C-alpha atoms as a PDB file:
ATOM      1  CA  MET A   1      -6.187  34.843   6.147  1.00  0.00           C
ATOM      2  CA  GLN A   2      -9.473  35.519   7.861  1.00  0.00           C
ATOM      3  CA  ARG A   3     -10.514  33.016  10.539  1.00  0.00           C
ATOM      4  CA  TYR A   4     -14.157  31.989  10.924  1.00  0.00           C
ATOM      5  CA  PRO A   5     -15.546  31.140  14.370  1.00  0.00           C
ATOM      6  CA  MET A   6     -17.060  27.707  14.806  1.00  0.00           C
ATOM      7  CA  THR A   7     -18.260  25.721  17.793  1.00  0.00           C
ATOM      8  CA  VAL A   8     -16.861  22.285  18.593  1.00  0.00           C
ATOM      9  CA  GLU A   9     -20.216  20.757  17.571  1.00  0.00           C
ATOM     10  CA  GLY A  10     -20.088  22.597  14.238  1.00  0.00           C
ATOM     11  CA  GLU A  11     -16.592  21.323  13.523  1.00  0.00           C
ATOM     12  CA  ILE A  12     -17.646  17.745  14.313  1.00  0.00           C
ATOM     13  CA  ALA A  13     -20.708  18.046  12.051  1.00  0.00           C
ATOM     14  CA  LEU A  14     -18.601  19.309   9.132  1.00  0.00           C
ATOM     15  CA  GLN A  15     -15.994  16.579   9.656  1.00  0.00           C
ATOM     16  CA  ASN A  16     -18.736  13.931   9.689  1.00  0.00           C
ATOM     17  CA  GLU A  17     -20.271  15.330   6.496  1.00  0.00           C
ATOM     18  CA  LEU A  18     -16.840  15.385   4.843  1.00  0.00           C
ATOM     19  CA  LYS A  19     -16.186  11.786   5.876  1.00  0.00           C
ATOM     20  CA  GLU A  20     -19.574  10.694   4.467  1.00  0.00           C
ATOM     21  CA  LEU A  21     -18.977  12.524   1.187  1.00  0.00           C
ATOM     22  CA  LYS A  22     -15.513  11.011   0.723  1.00  0.00           C
ATOM     23  CA  SER A  23     -16.204   7.467   1.899  1.00  0.00           C
ATOM     24  CA  ILE A  24     -19.814   6.862   0.817  1.00  0.00           C
ATOM     25  CA  LYS A  25     -21.192   9.362  -1.679  1.00  0.00           C
ATOM     26  CA  ARG A  26     -18.082   9.849  -3.837  1.00  0.00           C
ATOM     27  CA  PRO A  27     -17.550   6.094  -4.424  1.00  0.00           C
ATOM     28  CA  ALA A  28     -21.280   5.636  -5.110  1.00  0.00           C
ATOM     29  CA  VAL A  29     -21.336   8.309  -7.806  1.00  0.00           C
ATOM     30  CA  ILE A  30     -18.123   6.947  -9.360  1.00  0.00           C
ATOM     31  CA  ALA A  31     -19.792   3.540  -9.574  1.00  0.00           C
ATOM     32  CA  ALA A  32     -22.902   5.135 -11.123  1.00  0.00           C
ATOM     33  CA  ILE A  33     -20.758   6.861 -13.758  1.00  0.00           C
ATOM     34  CA  ALA A  34     -18.979   3.596 -14.586  1.00  0.00           C
ATOM     35  CA  GLU A  35     -22.308   1.789 -14.906  1.00  0.00           C
ATOM     36  CA  ALA A  36     -23.760   4.525 -17.105  1.00  0.00           C
ATOM     37  CA  ARG A  37     -20.691   4.393 -19.378  1.00  0.00           C
ATOM     38  CA  GLU A  38     -21.375   0.725 -20.026  1.00  0.00           C
ATOM     39  CA  HIS A  39     -24.738   1.636 -21.548  1.00  0.00           C
ATOM     40  CA  GLY A  40     -23.068   3.042 -24.650  1.00  0.00           C
ATOM     41  CA  ASP A  41     -23.406   6.441 -26.358  1.00  0.00           C
ATOM     42  CA  LEU A  42     -22.567   9.097 -23.738  1.00  0.00           C
ATOM     43  CA  LYS A  43     -24.050  12.017 -25.714  1.00  0.00           C
ATOM     44  CA  GLU A  44     -27.619  10.809 -25.206  1.00  0.00           C
ATOM     45  CA  ASN A  45     -27.138   8.996 -21.903  1.00  0.00           C
ATOM     46  CA  ALA A  46     -29.195  10.846 -19.263  1.00  0.00           C
ATOM     47  CA  GLU A  47     -27.963   8.594 -16.446  1.00  0.00           C
ATOM     48  CA  TYR A  48     -24.360   9.460 -17.268  1.00  0.00           C
ATOM     49  CA  HIS A  49     -25.027  13.211 -17.353  1.00  0.00           C
ATOM     50  CA  ALA A  50     -26.981  13.073 -14.076  1.00  0.00           C
ATOM     51  CA  ALA A  51     -24.201  11.117 -12.371  1.00  0.00           C
ATOM     52  CA  ARG A  52     -21.541  13.554 -13.653  1.00  0.00           C
ATOM     53  CA  GLU A  53     -23.598  16.485 -12.377  1.00  0.00           C
ATOM     54  CA  GLN A  54     -23.962  14.800  -8.988  1.00  0.00           C
ATOM     55  CA  GLN A  55     -20.200  14.198  -8.935  1.00  0.00           C
ATOM     56  CA  GLY A  56     -19.644  17.913  -9.541  1.00  0.00           C
ATOM     57  CA  PHE A  57     -21.872  18.820  -6.591  1.00  0.00           C
ATOM     58  CA  ILE A  58     -20.097  16.330  -4.314  1.00  0.00           C
ATOM     59  CA  GLU A  59     -16.605  17.508  -5.297  1.00  0.00           C
ATOM     60  CA  GLY A  60     -17.656  21.142  -4.838  1.00  0.00           C
ATOM     61  CA  ARG A  61     -19.053  20.448  -1.373  1.00  0.00           C
ATOM     62  CA  ILE A  62     -15.888  18.553  -0.389  1.00  0.00           C
ATOM     63  CA  GLN A  63     -13.746  21.546  -1.412  1.00  0.00           C
ATOM     64  CA  ASP A  64     -16.104  23.939   0.407  1.00  0.00           C
ATOM     65  CA  ILE A  65     -15.981  21.950   3.666  1.00  0.00           C
ATOM     66  CA  GLU A  66     -12.198  21.521   3.516  1.00  0.00           C
ATOM     67  CA  ALA A  67     -11.763  25.282   2.992  1.00  0.00           C
ATOM     68  CA  LYS A  68     -14.087  26.091   5.901  1.00  0.00           C
ATOM     69  CA  LEU A  69     -12.342  23.675   8.230  1.00  0.00           C
ATOM     70  CA  SER A  70      -8.895  25.009   7.324  1.00  0.00           C
ATOM     71  CA  ALA A  71      -9.995  28.623   7.953  1.00  0.00           C
ATOM     72  CA  SER A  72     -12.011  27.897  11.092  1.00  0.00           C
ATOM     73  CA  GLN A  73     -11.273  29.000  14.617  1.00  0.00           C
ATOM     74  CA  VAL A  74     -12.894  26.422  16.875  1.00  0.00           C
ATOM     75  CA  ILE A  75     -14.122  27.972  20.113  1.00  0.00           C
ATOM     76  CA  ASN A  76     -15.102  25.730  23.002  1.00  0.00           C
ATOM     77  CA  VAL A  77     -17.371  27.851  25.201  1.00  0.00           C
ATOM     78  CA  HIS A  78     -16.936  25.366  28.054  1.00  0.00           C
ATOM     79  CA  ASP A  79     -13.289  26.474  28.373  1.00  0.00           C
ATOM     80  CA  ILE A  80     -14.347  30.083  28.988  1.00  0.00           C
ATOM     81  CA  PRO A  81     -15.600  31.090  32.458  1.00  0.00           C
ATOM     82  CA  ASN A  82     -19.261  32.122  32.577  1.00  0.00           C
ATOM     83  CA  THR A  83     -19.339  35.796  33.498  1.00  0.00           C
ATOM     84  CA  GLY A  84     -22.949  36.380  32.455  1.00  0.00           C
ATOM     85  CA  LYS A  85     -21.704  38.175  29.340  1.00  0.00           C
ATOM     86  CA  VAL A  86     -22.960  37.172  25.881  1.00  0.00           C
ATOM     87  CA  ILE A  87     -20.113  35.783  23.752  1.00  0.00           C
ATOM     88  CA  PHE A  88     -19.780  33.427  20.797  1.00  0.00           C
ATOM     89  CA  GLY A  89     -21.096  29.962  21.680  1.00  0.00           C
ATOM     90  CA  THR A  90     -23.309  30.983  24.582  1.00  0.00           C
ATOM     91  CA  THR A  91     -26.985  30.126  24.867  1.00  0.00           C
ATOM     92  CA  VAL A  92     -29.039  33.231  25.592  1.00  0.00           C
ATOM     93  CA  THR A  93     -32.595  33.356  26.950  1.00  0.00           C
ATOM     94  CA  LEU A  94     -34.372  36.559  25.973  1.00  0.00           C
ATOM     95  CA  LEU A  95     -37.678  38.098  27.013  1.00  0.00           C
ATOM     96  CA  ASN A  96     -39.536  40.302  24.533  1.00  0.00           C
ATOM     97  CA  THR A  97     -40.421  43.317  26.687  1.00  0.00           C
ATOM     98  CA  GLU A  98     -43.600  44.105  24.694  1.00  0.00           C
ATOM     99  CA  THR A  99     -45.147  40.640  24.497  1.00  0.00           C
ATOM    100  CA  ASP A 100     -43.504  38.977  27.529  1.00  0.00           C
ATOM    101  CA  GLN A 101     -42.651  36.077  25.211  1.00  0.00           C
ATOM    102  CA  GLY A 102     -39.417  34.217  25.912  1.00  0.00           C
ATOM    103  CA  VAL A 103     -37.024  32.776  23.360  1.00  0.00           C
ATOM    104  CA  THR A 104     -33.670  31.002  23.628  1.00  0.00           C
ATOM    105  CA  TYR A 105     -30.891  31.205  21.035  1.00  0.00           C
ATOM    106  CA  LYS A 106     -27.425  29.716  20.774  1.00  0.00           C
ATOM    107  CA  ILE A 107     -24.920  31.972  19.017  1.00  0.00           C
ATOM    108  CA  VAL A 108     -22.942  29.897  16.495  1.00  0.00           C
ATOM    109  CA  GLY A 109     -20.907  30.232  13.292  1.00  0.00           C
ATOM    110  CA  ASP A 110     -22.474  31.005   9.923  1.00  0.00           C
ATOM    111  CA  ASP A 111     -22.452  27.377   8.729  1.00  0.00           C
ATOM    112  CA  GLU A 112     -24.090  26.079  11.907  1.00  0.00           C
ATOM    113  CA  ALA A 113     -26.948  28.576  12.003  1.00  0.00           C
ATOM    114  CA  ASN A 114     -30.418  27.044  11.881  1.00  0.00           C
ATOM    115  CA  VAL A 115     -33.305  29.125  13.209  1.00  0.00           C
ATOM    116  CA  LYS A 116     -35.543  26.037  13.366  1.00  0.00           C
ATOM    117  CA  VAL A 117     -33.396  24.707  16.234  1.00  0.00           C
ATOM    118  CA  ASN A 118     -32.748  28.203  17.696  1.00  0.00           C
ATOM    119  CA  LYS A 119     -29.147  28.490  16.513  1.00  0.00           C
ATOM    120  CA  ILE A 120     -28.393  31.952  15.135  1.00  0.00           C
ATOM    121  CA  SER A 121     -25.319  33.161  13.281  1.00  0.00           C
ATOM    122  CA  VAL A 122     -22.870  35.363  15.127  1.00  0.00           C
ATOM    123  CA  ASN A 123     -23.298  37.771  12.188  1.00  0.00           C
ATOM    124  CA  SER A 124     -27.101  37.994  12.480  1.00  0.00           C
ATOM    125  CA  PRO A 125     -28.650  41.280  13.656  1.00  0.00           C
ATOM    126  CA  ILE A 126     -29.876  39.703  16.898  1.00  0.00           C
ATOM    127  CA  ALA A 127     -26.481  38.196  17.764  1.00  0.00           C
ATOM    128  CA  ARG A 128     -24.625  41.402  16.886  1.00  0.00           C
ATOM    129  CA  ALA A 129     -26.927  43.326  19.223  1.00  0.00           C
ATOM    130  CA  LEU A 130     -26.389  40.777  22.026  1.00  0.00           C
ATOM    131  CA  ILE A 131     -22.604  40.249  21.887  1.00  0.00           C
ATOM    132  CA  GLY A 132     -20.909  41.942  24.811  1.00  0.00           C
ATOM    133  CA  LYS A 133     -24.106  42.525  26.782  1.00  0.00           C
ATOM    134  CA  GLU A 134     -24.827  40.942  30.171  1.00  0.00           C
ATOM    135  CA  GLU A 135     -27.724  39.307  31.999  1.00  0.00           C
ATOM    136  CA  GLY A 136     -30.317  41.942  32.893  1.00  0.00           C
ATOM    137  CA  ASP A 137     -29.397  44.283  30.020  1.00  0.00           C
ATOM    138  CA  VAL A 138     -32.100  45.505  27.655  1.00  0.00           C
ATOM    139  CA  VAL A 139     -31.204  45.267  23.964  1.00  0.00           C
ATOM    140  CA  VAL A 140     -32.932  46.856  20.978  1.00  0.00           C
ATOM    141  CA  VAL A 141     -32.794  44.745  17.809  1.00  0.00           C
ATOM    142  CA  ARG A 142     -33.592  46.305  14.457  1.00  0.00           C
ATOM    143  CA  THR A 143     -35.695  43.911  12.383  1.00  0.00           C
ATOM    144  CA  PRO A 144     -37.473  44.321   9.040  1.00  0.00           C
ATOM    145  CA  GLY A 145     -40.713  44.690  11.029  1.00  0.00           C
ATOM    146  CA  GLY A 146     -39.293  47.464  13.214  1.00  0.00           C
ATOM    147  CA  GLU A 147     -37.363  47.621  16.448  1.00  0.00           C
ATOM    148  CA  VAL A 148     -37.852  44.883  19.044  1.00  0.00           C
ATOM    149  CA  GLU A 149     -36.728  45.268  22.639  1.00  0.00           C
ATOM    150  CA  TYR A 150     -35.416  42.219  24.518  1.00  0.00           C
ATOM    151  CA  GLU A 151     -34.228  41.754  28.063  1.00  0.00           C
ATOM    152  CA  ILE A 152     -31.390  39.263  28.533  1.00  0.00           C
ATOM    153  CA  GLU A 153     -32.650  36.862  31.188  1.00  0.00           C
ATOM    154  CA  LEU A 154     -29.993  34.146  31.180  1.00  0.00           C
ATOM    155  CA  VAL A 155     -26.595  33.489  29.577  1.00  0.00           C
ATOM    156  CA  GLU A 156     -25.477  29.841  29.646  1.00  0.00           C
ATOM    157  CA  HIS A 157     -22.351  28.030  28.505  1.00  0.00           C
ATOM    158  CA  LYS A 158     -24.024  24.879  27.160  1.00  0.00           C
END
């Protein structure tokens, strides 16, 4: 079975979402289905069909999260000595060599990735180019807009 890397924070977030789905959302939708059934004819009951659809989404998400958690390999970057090398879980500060613009990314698992908060997937082109490199190295990243050259300024274990 293939293992999927995940940070400690990512595991906690998935466990919290799973707990909310099982303890809050699932009982709420079951109650909504029971209430809609009391309204009579189920064939033309839009509330019933909407609640059943919502139940399907919730059950699917529960199964998805449970599968991801069972196949995850949780990596705590704080347990790994900081050698200045880019690895899974590190926070990397980059400098675009053309524009002198800096950017900071944390390399995380696929489910945790969110570019809006500067978390990129370990499988993204930028992360793949960075993994294994060290502070001071220059990395060329192939993007849809062409090649971009970055210098690795800082590697942190945050």
